[in-house]
Amino acid sequence: MSTYREGEGGGSMLTAFLEVVAIVGSGITAGVFVAIALSVLPALRALPADRYIDMHRRLGKGYHPTMPLMVNGGMVACLGLVFLTPAPARYLFAAGFVLMLGTQGVSHLANVPINRRIQAIDPAAIPGDWDDPRPLWQNWHLLRTALALAALTVNAAAAALVTA
């Protein structure tokens, strides 16, 4: 495996920095989302509705703004690497960008609106016709988890190609 040397085919310090940001951003995102899928979601599904709403609110406070920044940081790094790396790595970083964009899109267009609906419910006065959002939220979460895992995979493969 070669090392980065300015002016040689291995890349620049900027490229190396962006590779780290892309891998860390997609890796933390994938790791957090997998942890939620494997542990947090089953625990939340087991709670009665009032306790679920309260716990969902508490958990959500810890993820904002850190998780969107992680996703966006990884996504922007991937985009930069599309222009700074040779083929075939650039194509993988382009895929990483699209996958991170998809992760962010699912979050903002699906999970966040559900979160807002949950925030608007008074846990002490849950309506009798309450439509439990947990199954839908979980399905969207599993999609964004798969996208984040795919992004991590292609970003790691792209970085390996650049340094090979």
N, C-alpha and C. Protein backbone atom coordinates (compact mmCIF):
# COMPACT_ATOMS: atom_id res chain seq x y z
N MET A 1 0.85 -1.18 0.00
CA MET A 1 0.00 0.00 0.00
C MET A 1 0.89 1.23 0.00
N SER A 2 0.57 2.17 -0.86
CA SER A 2 1.36 3.39 -0.93
C SER A 2 0.89 4.39 0.12
N THR A 3 1.71 5.39 0.33
CA THR A 3 1.33 6.46 1.24
C THR A 3 1.10 7.73 0.45
N TYR A 4 0.47 8.70 1.09
CA TYR A 4 0.20 9.96 0.41
C TYR A 4 1.48 10.78 0.33
N ARG A 5 1.79 11.19 -0.89
CA ARG A 5 2.91 12.09 -1.12
C ARG A 5 2.42 13.18 -2.06
N GLU A 6 2.57 14.37 -1.63
CA GLU A 6 2.14 15.51 -2.44
C GLU A 6 2.77 15.42 -3.83
N GLY A 7 1.94 15.53 -4.86
CA GLY A 7 2.42 15.54 -6.23
C GLY A 7 2.53 14.17 -6.86
N GLU A 8 2.36 13.08 -6.09
CA GLU A 8 2.39 11.74 -6.66
C GLU A 8 0.97 11.25 -6.84
N GLY A 9 0.80 10.11 -7.45
CA GLY A 9 -0.52 9.58 -7.78
C GLY A 9 -1.37 9.23 -6.57
N GLY A 10 -0.79 9.10 -5.39
CA GLY A 10 -1.54 8.68 -4.21
C GLY A 10 -2.55 9.68 -3.71
N GLY A 11 -2.42 10.93 -4.05
CA GLY A 11 -3.38 11.92 -3.59
C GLY A 11 -2.72 13.01 -2.77
N SER A 12 -3.52 13.93 -2.31
CA SER A 12 -3.02 15.07 -1.55
C SER A 12 -3.49 14.98 -0.11
N MET A 13 -3.00 15.89 0.70
CA MET A 13 -3.45 15.95 2.09
C MET A 13 -4.94 16.28 2.15
N LEU A 14 -5.42 17.12 1.25
CA LEU A 14 -6.85 17.43 1.19
C LEU A 14 -7.66 16.17 0.88
N THR A 15 -7.18 15.40 -0.08
CA THR A 15 -7.86 14.15 -0.43
C THR A 15 -7.89 13.22 0.77
N ALA A 16 -6.75 13.08 1.44
CA ALA A 16 -6.69 12.21 2.63
C ALA A 16 -7.64 12.69 3.71
N PHE A 17 -7.68 13.99 3.95
CA PHE A 17 -8.58 14.56 4.96
C PHE A 17 -10.04 14.27 4.60
N LEU A 18 -10.39 14.51 3.33
CA LEU A 18 -11.79 14.28 2.92
C LEU A 18 -12.16 12.80 2.98
N GLU A 19 -11.20 11.93 2.69
CA GLU A 19 -11.46 10.48 2.83
C GLU A 19 -11.80 10.14 4.28
N VAL A 20 -11.04 10.70 5.20
CA VAL A 20 -11.31 10.45 6.62
C VAL A 20 -12.69 10.98 6.99
N VAL A 21 -13.02 12.18 6.56
CA VAL A 21 -14.34 12.75 6.86
C VAL A 21 -15.46 11.90 6.26
N ALA A 22 -15.27 11.44 5.03
CA ALA A 22 -16.28 10.61 4.38
C ALA A 22 -16.48 9.30 5.13
N ILE A 23 -15.39 8.67 5.53
CA ILE A 23 -15.50 7.39 6.22
C ILE A 23 -16.02 7.57 7.64
N VAL A 24 -15.53 8.57 8.35
CA VAL A 24 -16.02 8.82 9.71
C VAL A 24 -17.50 9.22 9.68
N GLY A 25 -17.87 10.12 8.77
CA GLY A 25 -19.26 10.55 8.69
C GLY A 25 -20.20 9.41 8.36
N SER A 26 -19.86 8.63 7.35
CA SER A 26 -20.72 7.51 6.99
C SER A 26 -20.64 6.39 8.03
N GLY A 27 -19.48 6.22 8.64
CA GLY A 27 -19.32 5.16 9.64
C GLY A 27 -20.08 5.44 10.93
N ILE A 28 -19.98 6.66 11.42
CA ILE A 28 -20.73 7.00 12.64
C ILE A 28 -22.23 6.94 12.35
N THR A 29 -22.64 7.45 11.20
CA THR A 29 -24.05 7.40 10.85
C THR A 29 -24.55 5.95 10.80
N ALA A 30 -23.82 5.10 10.09
CA ALA A 30 -24.22 3.70 10.00
C ALA A 30 -24.21 3.04 11.38
N GLY A 31 -23.20 3.31 12.17
CA GLY A 31 -23.11 2.69 13.50
C GLY A 31 -24.25 3.10 14.42
N VAL A 32 -24.54 4.38 14.44
CA VAL A 32 -25.64 4.86 15.29
C VAL A 32 -26.96 4.27 14.81
N PHE A 33 -27.17 4.27 13.49
CA PHE A 33 -28.44 3.75 12.97
C PHE A 33 -28.58 2.26 13.21
N VAL A 34 -27.50 1.50 13.12
CA VAL A 34 -27.56 0.07 13.43
C VAL A 34 -27.88 -0.14 14.91
N ALA A 35 -27.26 0.64 15.78
CA ALA A 35 -27.54 0.53 17.21
C ALA A 35 -29.01 0.82 17.51
N ILE A 36 -29.56 1.82 16.85
CA ILE A 36 -30.98 2.14 17.03
C ILE A 36 -31.82 0.96 16.56
N ALA A 37 -31.50 0.43 15.39
CA ALA A 37 -32.29 -0.67 14.82
C ALA A 37 -32.24 -1.91 15.69
N LEU A 38 -31.07 -2.23 16.24
CA LEU A 38 -30.92 -3.47 17.00
C LEU A 38 -31.35 -3.38 18.45
N SER A 39 -31.27 -2.20 19.04
CA SER A 39 -31.51 -2.10 20.48
C SER A 39 -32.62 -1.12 20.84
N VAL A 40 -32.54 0.09 20.32
CA VAL A 40 -33.48 1.13 20.73
C VAL A 40 -34.88 0.84 20.21
N LEU A 41 -35.01 0.50 18.94
CA LEU A 41 -36.34 0.27 18.37
C LEU A 41 -37.09 -0.86 19.06
N PRO A 42 -36.47 -2.02 19.30
CA PRO A 42 -37.21 -3.07 20.02
C PRO A 42 -37.66 -2.62 21.42
N ALA A 43 -36.82 -1.84 22.09
CA ALA A 43 -37.20 -1.34 23.43
C ALA A 43 -38.38 -0.38 23.32
N LEU A 44 -38.36 0.52 22.33
CA LEU A 44 -39.45 1.47 22.17
C LEU A 44 -40.74 0.77 21.76
N ARG A 45 -40.64 -0.26 20.96
CA ARG A 45 -41.84 -0.98 20.52
C ARG A 45 -42.52 -1.69 21.69
N ALA A 46 -41.75 -2.02 22.73
CA ALA A 46 -42.30 -2.74 23.88
C ALA A 46 -42.99 -1.82 24.88
N LEU A 47 -42.81 -0.51 24.74
CA LEU A 47 -43.37 0.43 25.72
C LEU A 47 -44.84 0.73 25.42
N PRO A 48 -45.62 1.01 26.48
CA PRO A 48 -46.97 1.53 26.25
C PRO A 48 -46.87 2.91 25.58
N ALA A 49 -47.92 3.31 24.90
CA ALA A 49 -47.91 4.51 24.07
C ALA A 49 -47.42 5.75 24.81
N ASP A 50 -47.91 5.99 26.02
CA ASP A 50 -47.52 7.21 26.74
C ASP A 50 -46.03 7.22 27.06
N ARG A 51 -45.50 6.08 27.49
CA ARG A 51 -44.08 6.01 27.80
C ARG A 51 -43.24 6.08 26.52
N TYR A 52 -43.75 5.51 25.44
CA TYR A 52 -43.05 5.59 24.16
C TYR A 52 -42.90 7.05 23.73
N ILE A 53 -43.97 7.81 23.79
CA ILE A 53 -43.93 9.21 23.36
C ILE A 53 -42.91 9.98 24.19
N ASP A 54 -42.95 9.78 25.50
CA ASP A 54 -41.99 10.46 26.38
C ASP A 54 -40.55 10.06 26.04
N MET A 55 -40.32 8.77 25.88
CA MET A 55 -38.96 8.29 25.59
C MET A 55 -38.50 8.74 24.21
N HIS A 56 -39.37 8.74 23.24
CA HIS A 56 -39.02 9.19 21.89
C HIS A 56 -38.54 10.65 21.94
N ARG A 57 -39.23 11.46 22.70
CA ARG A 57 -38.83 12.87 22.85
C ARG A 57 -37.45 12.98 23.47
N ARG A 58 -37.23 12.21 24.52
CA ARG A 58 -35.94 12.27 25.21
C ARG A 58 -34.79 11.81 24.31
N LEU A 59 -35.01 10.74 23.58
CA LEU A 59 -33.96 10.23 22.70
C LEU A 59 -33.67 11.19 21.56
N GLY A 60 -34.70 11.81 21.02
CA GLY A 60 -34.53 12.72 19.89
C GLY A 60 -33.68 13.93 20.21
N LYS A 61 -33.74 14.38 21.45
CA LYS A 61 -32.95 15.56 21.84
C LYS A 61 -31.46 15.31 21.71
N GLY A 62 -31.04 14.09 21.91
CA GLY A 62 -29.62 13.78 21.86
C GLY A 62 -29.05 13.67 20.45
N TYR A 63 -29.91 13.51 19.46
CA TYR A 63 -29.42 13.29 18.10
C TYR A 63 -29.32 14.56 17.27
N HIS A 64 -29.94 15.62 17.71
CA HIS A 64 -29.95 16.86 16.92
C HIS A 64 -29.11 17.91 17.61
N PRO A 65 -28.21 18.57 16.95
CA PRO A 65 -27.92 18.58 15.51
C PRO A 65 -26.78 17.65 15.10
N THR A 66 -26.29 16.81 16.01
CA THR A 66 -25.10 16.01 15.73
C THR A 66 -25.27 15.09 14.53
N MET A 67 -26.33 14.31 14.49
CA MET A 67 -26.48 13.35 13.39
C MET A 67 -26.62 14.02 12.03
N PRO A 68 -27.45 15.05 11.88
CA PRO A 68 -27.47 15.71 10.56
C PRO A 68 -26.10 16.25 10.15
N LEU A 69 -25.33 16.76 11.11
CA LEU A 69 -23.98 17.25 10.78
C LEU A 69 -23.07 16.11 10.34
N MET A 70 -23.19 14.95 10.97
CA MET A 70 -22.39 13.78 10.57
C MET A 70 -22.72 13.37 9.14
N VAL A 71 -24.01 13.27 8.86
CA VAL A 71 -24.43 12.86 7.52
C VAL A 71 -23.98 13.90 6.49
N ASN A 72 -24.23 15.16 6.78
CA ASN A 72 -23.86 16.22 5.82
C ASN A 72 -22.35 16.31 5.63
N GLY A 73 -21.60 16.16 6.72
CA GLY A 73 -20.14 16.19 6.61
C GLY A 73 -19.63 15.08 5.71
N GLY A 74 -20.12 13.87 5.92
CA GLY A 74 -19.72 12.76 5.06
C GLY A 74 -20.14 12.96 3.62
N MET A 75 -21.33 13.50 3.44
CA MET A 75 -21.87 13.72 2.10
C MET A 75 -21.03 14.77 1.34
N VAL A 76 -20.72 15.87 1.99
CA VAL A 76 -19.92 16.93 1.34
C VAL A 76 -18.52 16.42 1.03
N ALA A 77 -17.95 15.63 1.94
CA ALA A 77 -16.62 15.07 1.69
C ALA A 77 -16.65 14.16 0.46
N CYS A 78 -17.68 13.34 0.36
CA CYS A 78 -17.82 12.47 -0.82
C CYS A 78 -17.89 13.29 -2.10
N LEU A 79 -18.66 14.35 -2.06
CA LEU A 79 -18.79 15.20 -3.25
C LEU A 79 -17.44 15.80 -3.64
N GLY A 80 -16.69 16.28 -2.67
CA GLY A 80 -15.36 16.81 -2.97
C GLY A 80 -14.45 15.75 -3.58
N LEU A 81 -14.56 14.54 -3.06
CA LEU A 81 -13.70 13.46 -3.54
C LEU A 81 -14.05 13.02 -4.96
N VAL A 82 -15.25 13.27 -5.38
CA VAL A 82 -15.62 12.98 -6.78
C VAL A 82 -14.72 13.77 -7.72
N PHE A 83 -14.34 14.96 -7.31
CA PHE A 83 -13.52 15.83 -8.16
C PHE A 83 -12.02 15.70 -7.91
N LEU A 84 -11.65 15.05 -6.81
CA LEU A 84 -10.24 14.98 -6.43
C LEU A 84 -9.60 13.61 -6.62
N THR A 85 -10.39 12.61 -6.93
CA THR A 85 -9.84 11.26 -7.05
C THR A 85 -10.02 10.74 -8.47
N PRO A 86 -9.13 9.82 -8.85
CA PRO A 86 -9.25 9.24 -10.19
C PRO A 86 -10.32 8.14 -10.22
N ALA A 87 -10.73 7.79 -11.43
CA ALA A 87 -11.61 6.63 -11.60
C ALA A 87 -10.79 5.40 -11.24
N PRO A 88 -11.35 4.37 -10.69
CA PRO A 88 -12.75 4.14 -10.37
C PRO A 88 -13.18 4.67 -9.00
N ALA A 89 -12.22 5.17 -8.20
CA ALA A 89 -12.57 5.66 -6.86
C ALA A 89 -13.61 6.77 -6.94
N ARG A 90 -13.48 7.66 -7.91
CA ARG A 90 -14.42 8.78 -8.00
C ARG A 90 -15.86 8.28 -8.18
N TYR A 91 -16.04 7.17 -8.89
CA TYR A 91 -17.39 6.64 -9.09
C TYR A 91 -17.96 6.08 -7.78
N LEU A 92 -17.08 5.48 -7.00
CA LEU A 92 -17.53 4.98 -5.69
C LEU A 92 -17.85 6.15 -4.75
N PHE A 93 -17.02 7.19 -4.77
CA PHE A 93 -17.34 8.36 -3.93
C PHE A 93 -18.63 9.03 -4.41
N ALA A 94 -18.88 9.01 -5.72
CA ALA A 94 -20.15 9.54 -6.22
C ALA A 94 -21.31 8.71 -5.68
N ALA A 95 -21.13 7.40 -5.67
CA ALA A 95 -22.17 6.53 -5.09
C ALA A 95 -22.32 6.81 -3.60
N GLY A 96 -21.19 7.02 -2.90
CA GLY A 96 -21.26 7.36 -1.48
C GLY A 96 -22.03 8.65 -1.25
N PHE A 97 -21.79 9.64 -2.11
CA PHE A 97 -22.53 10.90 -2.03
C PHE A 97 -24.03 10.65 -2.20
N VAL A 98 -24.41 9.91 -3.22
CA VAL A 98 -25.83 9.65 -3.48
C VAL A 98 -26.45 8.87 -2.32
N LEU A 99 -25.72 7.91 -1.79
CA LEU A 99 -26.24 7.12 -0.67
C LEU A 99 -26.41 7.96 0.60
N MET A 100 -25.45 8.85 0.86
CA MET A 100 -25.58 9.75 2.02
C MET A 100 -26.71 10.75 1.79
N LEU A 101 -26.85 11.21 0.56
CA LEU A 101 -27.97 12.10 0.23
C LEU A 101 -29.29 11.37 0.46
N GLY A 102 -29.35 10.12 0.06
CA GLY A 102 -30.55 9.31 0.31
C GLY A 102 -30.81 9.13 1.79
N THR A 103 -29.76 8.90 2.56
CA THR A 103 -29.89 8.77 4.02
C THR A 103 -30.50 10.05 4.60
N GLN A 104 -29.95 11.18 4.19
CA GLN A 104 -30.45 12.46 4.67
C GLN A 104 -31.87 12.71 4.18
N GLY A 105 -32.14 12.33 2.94
CA GLY A 105 -33.48 12.52 2.38
C GLY A 105 -34.54 11.73 3.14
N VAL A 106 -34.25 10.47 3.44
CA VAL A 106 -35.19 9.65 4.21
C VAL A 106 -35.40 10.27 5.59
N SER A 107 -34.33 10.71 6.20
CA SER A 107 -34.45 11.33 7.52
C SER A 107 -35.37 12.54 7.48
N HIS A 108 -35.09 13.46 6.56
CA HIS A 108 -35.84 14.72 6.53
C HIS A 108 -37.24 14.59 5.97
N LEU A 109 -37.42 13.70 5.01
CA LEU A 109 -38.72 13.60 4.36
C LEU A 109 -39.65 12.57 5.00
N ALA A 110 -39.09 11.65 5.77
CA ALA A 110 -39.92 10.59 6.36
C ALA A 110 -39.85 10.59 7.90
N ASN A 111 -38.67 10.37 8.47
CA ASN A 111 -38.57 10.25 9.92
C ASN A 111 -38.85 11.55 10.66
N VAL A 112 -38.32 12.67 10.18
CA VAL A 112 -38.53 13.94 10.87
C VAL A 112 -40.01 14.34 10.92
N PRO A 113 -40.77 14.22 9.82
CA PRO A 113 -42.20 14.54 9.93
C PRO A 113 -42.95 13.65 10.95
N ILE A 114 -42.55 12.38 11.02
CA ILE A 114 -43.16 11.50 12.03
C ILE A 114 -42.76 11.98 13.42
N ASN A 115 -41.49 12.36 13.59
CA ASN A 115 -41.03 12.89 14.87
C ASN A 115 -41.86 14.10 15.30
N ARG A 116 -42.15 14.98 14.35
CA ARG A 116 -42.95 16.18 14.67
C ARG A 116 -44.36 15.80 15.11
N ARG A 117 -44.93 14.81 14.45
CA ARG A 117 -46.27 14.35 14.87
C ARG A 117 -46.23 13.79 16.29
N ILE A 118 -45.18 13.07 16.60
CA ILE A 118 -45.05 12.50 17.95
C ILE A 118 -44.87 13.61 18.97
N GLN A 119 -44.08 14.62 18.63
CA GLN A 119 -43.85 15.75 19.54
C GLN A 119 -45.15 16.48 19.87
N ALA A 120 -46.08 16.48 18.95
CA ALA A 120 -47.33 17.23 19.13
C ALA A 120 -48.34 16.50 20.01
N ILE A 121 -48.07 15.25 20.36
CA ILE A 121 -49.02 14.46 21.15
C ILE A 121 -48.72 14.62 22.64
N ASP A 122 -49.76 14.87 23.41
CA ASP A 122 -49.64 14.92 24.86
C ASP A 122 -49.70 13.48 25.36
N PRO A 123 -48.63 12.98 25.99
CA PRO A 123 -48.62 11.59 26.44
C PRO A 123 -49.73 11.28 27.45
N ALA A 124 -50.21 12.31 28.13
CA ALA A 124 -51.28 12.10 29.12
C ALA A 124 -52.67 12.12 28.47
N ALA A 125 -52.74 12.48 27.20
CA ALA A 125 -54.05 12.56 26.54
C ALA A 125 -53.96 12.02 25.12
N ILE A 126 -53.54 10.77 25.00
CA ILE A 126 -53.42 10.14 23.69
C ILE A 126 -54.82 9.86 23.16
N PRO A 127 -55.12 10.33 21.94
CA PRO A 127 -56.46 10.11 21.39
C PRO A 127 -56.76 8.62 21.20
N GLY A 128 -58.03 8.28 21.32
CA GLY A 128 -58.43 6.88 21.17
C GLY A 128 -58.16 6.33 19.78
N ASP A 129 -58.16 7.18 18.78
CA ASP A 129 -57.90 6.73 17.41
C ASP A 129 -56.44 6.95 17.00
N TRP A 130 -55.56 7.01 18.00
CA TRP A 130 -54.14 7.25 17.74
C TRP A 130 -53.58 6.19 16.82
N ASP A 131 -52.93 6.63 15.77
CA ASP A 131 -52.28 5.73 14.82
C ASP A 131 -50.82 5.60 15.25
N ASP A 132 -50.47 4.48 15.84
CA ASP A 132 -49.12 4.25 16.36
C ASP A 132 -48.10 4.38 15.22
N PRO A 133 -47.18 5.36 15.33
CA PRO A 133 -46.22 5.60 14.25
C PRO A 133 -45.00 4.68 14.27
N ARG A 134 -44.86 3.86 15.29
CA ARG A 134 -43.64 3.06 15.42
C ARG A 134 -43.35 2.15 14.24
N PRO A 135 -44.31 1.40 13.71
CA PRO A 135 -43.96 0.54 12.56
C PRO A 135 -43.49 1.33 11.34
N LEU A 136 -44.16 2.43 11.03
CA LEU A 136 -43.77 3.24 9.88
C LEU A 136 -42.40 3.88 10.11
N TRP A 137 -42.20 4.44 11.31
CA TRP A 137 -40.92 5.06 11.64
C TRP A 137 -39.80 4.03 11.52
N GLN A 138 -40.05 2.83 12.02
CA GLN A 138 -39.04 1.77 11.96
C GLN A 138 -38.71 1.41 10.51
N ASN A 139 -39.72 1.29 9.66
CA ASN A 139 -39.47 0.95 8.26
C ASN A 139 -38.60 2.00 7.58
N TRP A 140 -38.91 3.27 7.80
CA TRP A 140 -38.09 4.34 7.22
C TRP A 140 -36.69 4.31 7.81
N HIS A 141 -36.60 4.05 9.11
CA HIS A 141 -35.29 4.00 9.75
C HIS A 141 -34.44 2.87 9.16
N LEU A 142 -35.04 1.72 8.93
CA LEU A 142 -34.29 0.60 8.37
C LEU A 142 -33.80 0.92 6.96
N LEU A 143 -34.59 1.67 6.20
CA LEU A 143 -34.14 2.08 4.87
C LEU A 143 -32.92 3.00 4.98
N ARG A 144 -33.00 4.00 5.86
CA ARG A 144 -31.85 4.91 5.96
C ARG A 144 -30.64 4.21 6.55
N THR A 145 -30.85 3.21 7.38
CA THR A 145 -29.73 2.42 7.91
C THR A 145 -29.05 1.65 6.78
N ALA A 146 -29.83 1.04 5.91
CA ALA A 146 -29.26 0.30 4.77
C ALA A 146 -28.48 1.25 3.86
N LEU A 147 -29.03 2.44 3.63
CA LEU A 147 -28.33 3.43 2.80
C LEU A 147 -27.01 3.85 3.44
N ALA A 148 -27.03 4.08 4.76
CA ALA A 148 -25.81 4.49 5.46
C ALA A 148 -24.76 3.38 5.45
N LEU A 149 -25.19 2.13 5.63
CA LEU A 149 -24.25 1.01 5.57
C LEU A 149 -23.65 0.87 4.17
N ALA A 150 -24.47 1.06 3.16
CA ALA A 150 -23.96 1.00 1.78
C ALA A 150 -22.98 2.14 1.53
N ALA A 151 -23.28 3.33 2.04
CA ALA A 151 -22.37 4.47 1.88
C ALA A 151 -21.03 4.18 2.54
N LEU A 152 -21.05 3.65 3.74
CA LEU A 152 -19.80 3.31 4.42
C LEU A 152 -19.00 2.31 3.60
N THR A 153 -19.67 1.32 3.06
CA THR A 153 -18.99 0.28 2.29
C THR A 153 -18.32 0.86 1.05
N VAL A 154 -19.05 1.67 0.28
CA VAL A 154 -18.46 2.21 -0.95
C VAL A 154 -17.39 3.26 -0.63
N ASN A 155 -17.56 4.01 0.45
CA ASN A 155 -16.54 5.00 0.81
C ASN A 155 -15.24 4.31 1.24
N ALA A 156 -15.36 3.23 2.00
CA ALA A 156 -14.16 2.50 2.41
C ALA A 156 -13.48 1.87 1.20
N ALA A 157 -14.28 1.32 0.30
CA ALA A 157 -13.69 0.71 -0.91
C ALA A 157 -13.02 1.78 -1.77
N ALA A 158 -13.64 2.94 -1.89
CA ALA A 158 -13.05 4.02 -2.68
C ALA A 158 -11.73 4.49 -2.07
N ALA A 159 -11.71 4.65 -0.77
CA ALA A 159 -10.48 5.07 -0.10
C ALA A 159 -9.37 4.04 -0.28
N ALA A 160 -9.74 2.78 -0.24
CA ALA A 160 -8.75 1.72 -0.45
C ALA A 160 -8.18 1.78 -1.87
N LEU A 161 -9.03 2.09 -2.84
CA LEU A 161 -8.56 2.22 -4.22
C LEU A 161 -7.60 3.38 -4.39
N VAL A 162 -7.88 4.48 -3.71
CA VAL A 162 -7.04 5.68 -3.84
C VAL A 162 -5.66 5.41 -3.25
N THR A 163 -5.59 4.66 -2.16
CA THR A 163 -4.30 4.44 -1.50
C THR A 163 -3.57 3.22 -2.03
N ALA A 164 -4.22 2.43 -2.89
CA ALA A 164 -3.57 1.20 -3.41
C ALA A 164 -2.50 1.53 -4.42
